[in-house]
Amino acid sequence: MDDTILDFQLESRTEAIIKVIGVGGGGGNAVNHMFREGIHNVSFALCNTDNQALMESPVPVKIQLGENTTGGLGAGNRPEIARKAAEESIDLIRDLLSDGTRMAFITAGMGGGTGTGAAPVVAKVAKDMGILTVGIVTIPFVFEGPKKIIQALKGVEEIAANVDALLVINNE
């Protein structure tokens, strides 16, 4: 019998391969909550056009979307502005996901500006990089009015085209 001891060198991972990205105010609130709860083995990031919301967050990884487009002042409930802001920041989004991320959960509230307009762009970048991409979005309460609901449903349609799976949570 051979008494040789084999030395196994296991690869140590410094980065989680699962990333949870909150886009906009609603997505940011969800990610802030998960981060504060101390969920392990995932990494968290925020993408927002509102610089003040980013500064108030405990999440260390943040992207201010569309610095030139919005000046850090948010998208003003206009998804088209948020989409343009995300497109302006596409290299930053790509860099965020270039750390070995294999699965991305993109969470956002649909119906406002940044979540509705930017989340589909973030999702498309992830999916185009070959990352398994899951969207988790909320849609507004009925009392928020038909305009916001219609805007939300358009956002749901856009993100659905850019993810591998989509979970839509009705606030009702």
Protein backbone atom coordinates (compact mmCIF):
# COMPACT_ATOMS: atom_id res chain seq x y z
CA MET A 1 0.00 0.00 0.00
CA ASP A 2 1.23 3.48 -0.92
CA ASP A 3 1.23 6.07 1.88
CA THR A 4 1.47 9.05 -0.48
CA ILE A 5 -0.73 11.96 0.53
CA LEU A 6 -2.35 13.76 -2.34
CA ASP A 7 -2.47 17.52 -2.10
CA PHE A 8 -5.70 18.85 -3.55
CA GLN A 9 -5.74 22.52 -4.40
CA LEU A 10 -9.32 23.69 -4.59
CA GLU A 11 -10.05 26.88 -6.44
CA SER A 12 -11.08 29.56 -3.99
CA ARG A 13 -13.70 32.00 -5.17
CA THR A 14 -13.51 35.55 -3.98
CA GLU A 15 -16.59 36.73 -5.87
CA ALA A 16 -20.06 35.27 -5.78
CA ILE A 17 -21.18 33.91 -9.13
CA ILE A 18 -24.74 35.04 -8.41
CA LYS A 19 -25.44 38.76 -8.58
CA VAL A 20 -28.62 40.52 -7.46
CA ILE A 21 -29.01 43.89 -9.17
CA GLY A 22 -31.60 46.41 -8.04
CA VAL A 23 -32.58 48.85 -10.77
CA GLY A 24 -34.34 52.10 -9.86
CA GLY A 25 -36.07 52.96 -6.60
CA GLY A 26 -38.16 49.82 -6.17
CA GLY A 27 -35.34 47.47 -7.11
CA GLY A 28 -32.96 49.41 -4.91
CA ASN A 29 -35.28 49.10 -1.92
CA ALA A 30 -35.46 45.32 -2.40
CA VAL A 31 -31.68 44.94 -2.69
CA ASN A 32 -31.06 47.26 0.28
CA HIS A 33 -33.35 45.04 2.38
CA MET A 34 -31.61 41.82 1.28
CA PHE A 35 -28.20 43.36 1.93
CA ARG A 36 -29.19 44.50 5.43
CA GLU A 37 -30.55 41.01 6.17
CA GLY A 38 -27.06 39.66 5.53
CA ILE A 39 -27.85 37.20 2.75
CA HIS A 40 -24.65 35.32 1.89
CA ASN A 41 -23.09 33.77 -1.23
CA VAL A 42 -24.48 36.39 -3.60
CA SER A 43 -23.20 39.83 -4.46
CA PHE A 44 -25.41 42.88 -4.61
CA ALA A 45 -25.34 45.93 -6.85
CA LEU A 46 -27.52 48.95 -7.52
CA CYS A 47 -28.16 50.80 -10.77
CA ASN A 48 -30.05 54.06 -10.53
CA THR A 49 -30.36 57.44 -12.23
CA ASP A 50 -30.95 59.04 -8.80
CA ASN A 51 -27.56 59.71 -7.22
CA GLN A 52 -29.07 60.62 -3.84
CA ALA A 53 -30.74 57.19 -3.57
CA LEU A 54 -27.40 55.55 -4.38
CA MET A 55 -25.56 57.59 -1.74
CA GLU A 56 -28.09 56.62 0.95
CA SER A 57 -27.70 52.89 0.27
CA PRO A 58 -25.45 50.60 2.33
CA VAL A 59 -24.76 48.45 -0.76
CA PRO A 60 -21.14 49.11 -1.76
CA VAL A 61 -21.40 48.37 -5.50
CA LYS A 62 -23.36 51.09 -7.32
CA ILE A 63 -23.69 52.46 -10.81
CA GLN A 64 -25.09 55.91 -11.44
CA LEU A 65 -26.85 55.47 -14.76
CA GLY A 66 -26.68 58.25 -17.32
CA GLU A 67 -24.54 60.80 -15.56
CA ASN A 68 -24.75 63.05 -18.63
CA THR A 69 -28.38 62.19 -19.43
CA THR A 70 -29.89 62.84 -15.98
CA GLY A 71 -27.17 64.58 -13.99
CA GLY A 72 -27.92 62.22 -11.11
CA LEU A 73 -31.42 63.66 -10.66
CA GLY A 74 -33.47 60.61 -11.68
CA ALA A 75 -35.52 59.90 -14.77
CA GLY A 76 -38.65 61.78 -13.66
CA ASN A 77 -41.02 58.82 -14.23
CA ARG A 78 -39.95 58.72 -17.89
CA PRO A 79 -38.76 55.26 -18.96
CA GLU A 80 -37.38 56.60 -22.24
CA ILE A 81 -34.97 58.85 -20.28
CA ALA A 82 -33.95 55.90 -18.08
CA ARG A 83 -33.39 53.70 -21.13
CA LYS A 84 -31.12 56.36 -22.64
CA ALA A 85 -29.30 56.70 -19.30
CA ALA A 86 -28.70 52.93 -19.12
CA GLU A 87 -27.48 52.87 -22.71
CA GLU A 88 -25.06 55.70 -21.86
CA SER A 89 -23.72 53.53 -19.01
CA ILE A 90 -23.59 50.23 -20.90
CA ASP A 91 -19.82 49.82 -20.42
CA LEU A 92 -20.21 50.22 -16.64
CA ILE A 93 -22.98 47.60 -16.64
CA ARG A 94 -20.80 45.23 -18.66
CA ASP A 95 -17.89 45.78 -16.24
CA LEU A 96 -20.20 45.05 -13.29
CA LEU A 97 -21.05 41.67 -14.79
CA SER A 98 -17.53 40.79 -15.98
CA ASP A 99 -16.33 39.40 -12.64
CA GLY A 100 -17.35 35.78 -13.22
CA THR A 101 -21.07 36.36 -12.72
CA ARG A 102 -22.93 33.29 -13.98
CA MET A 103 -26.47 34.18 -12.86
CA ALA A 104 -28.07 37.61 -12.49
CA PHE A 105 -31.31 38.45 -10.74
CA ILE A 106 -32.55 41.84 -11.89
CA THR A 107 -35.17 43.35 -9.65
CA ALA A 108 -37.17 46.49 -10.38
CA GLY A 109 -40.50 48.15 -9.87
CA MET A 110 -42.36 48.66 -13.13
CA GLY A 111 -44.42 51.78 -13.76
CA GLY A 112 -41.98 54.52 -12.83
CA GLY A 113 -38.97 55.75 -14.74
CA THR A 114 -35.69 54.03 -13.97
CA GLY A 115 -36.88 50.50 -13.19
CA THR A 116 -39.21 50.46 -16.19
CA GLY A 117 -36.75 51.91 -18.69
CA ALA A 118 -33.33 50.75 -17.47
CA ALA A 119 -34.00 47.21 -16.18
CA PRO A 120 -34.57 45.82 -19.70
CA VAL A 121 -31.23 47.31 -20.80
CA VAL A 122 -29.39 45.80 -17.81
CA ALA A 123 -31.08 42.45 -18.50
CA LYS A 124 -30.11 42.54 -22.18
CA VAL A 125 -26.46 43.20 -21.34
CA ALA A 126 -26.43 40.23 -18.94
CA LYS A 127 -28.18 37.89 -21.35
CA ASP A 128 -25.95 38.95 -24.26
CA MET A 129 -22.94 38.06 -22.06
CA GLY A 130 -24.28 34.51 -21.69
CA ILE A 131 -25.33 35.02 -18.08
CA LEU A 132 -28.48 33.20 -16.90
CA THR A 133 -30.76 36.20 -16.36
CA VAL A 134 -33.86 36.25 -14.16
CA GLY A 135 -36.12 39.29 -13.83
CA ILE A 136 -38.16 39.89 -10.68
CA VAL A 137 -40.45 42.88 -11.07
CA THR A 138 -43.49 44.38 -9.41
CA ILE A 139 -46.44 46.06 -11.08
CA PRO A 140 -48.39 48.93 -9.48
CA PHE A 141 -51.53 48.94 -7.38
CA VAL A 142 -54.75 49.68 -9.29
CA PHE A 143 -55.22 52.96 -7.39
CA GLU A 144 -51.97 54.24 -8.94
CA GLY A 145 -53.95 54.76 -12.14
CA PRO A 146 -54.15 53.45 -15.68
CA LYS A 147 -51.23 55.52 -17.01
CA LYS A 148 -48.80 53.99 -14.54
CA ILE A 149 -50.21 50.48 -15.08
CA ILE A 150 -49.93 50.77 -18.87
CA GLN A 151 -46.36 52.06 -18.49
CA ALA A 152 -45.60 49.13 -16.17
CA LEU A 153 -47.00 46.55 -18.59
CA LYS A 154 -44.86 47.98 -21.40
CA GLY A 155 -41.84 47.65 -19.13
CA VAL A 156 -42.77 44.05 -18.29
CA GLU A 157 -43.01 43.28 -22.00
CA GLU A 158 -39.59 44.82 -22.64
CA ILE A 159 -37.80 43.04 -19.82
CA ALA A 160 -39.50 39.74 -20.72
CA ALA A 161 -37.80 39.88 -24.11
CA ASN A 162 -34.39 40.15 -22.42
CA VAL A 163 -34.45 37.53 -19.64
CA ASP A 164 -34.42 33.75 -19.39
CA ALA A 165 -37.16 33.78 -16.74
CA LEU A 166 -39.44 36.47 -15.36
CA LEU A 167 -41.38 36.67 -12.11
CA VAL A 168 -44.01 39.42 -12.06
CA ILE A 169 -45.36 40.33 -8.63
CA ASN A 170 -48.67 42.15 -8.56
CA ASN A 171 -48.78 44.61 -5.66
CA GLU A 172 -52.48 43.88 -5.24
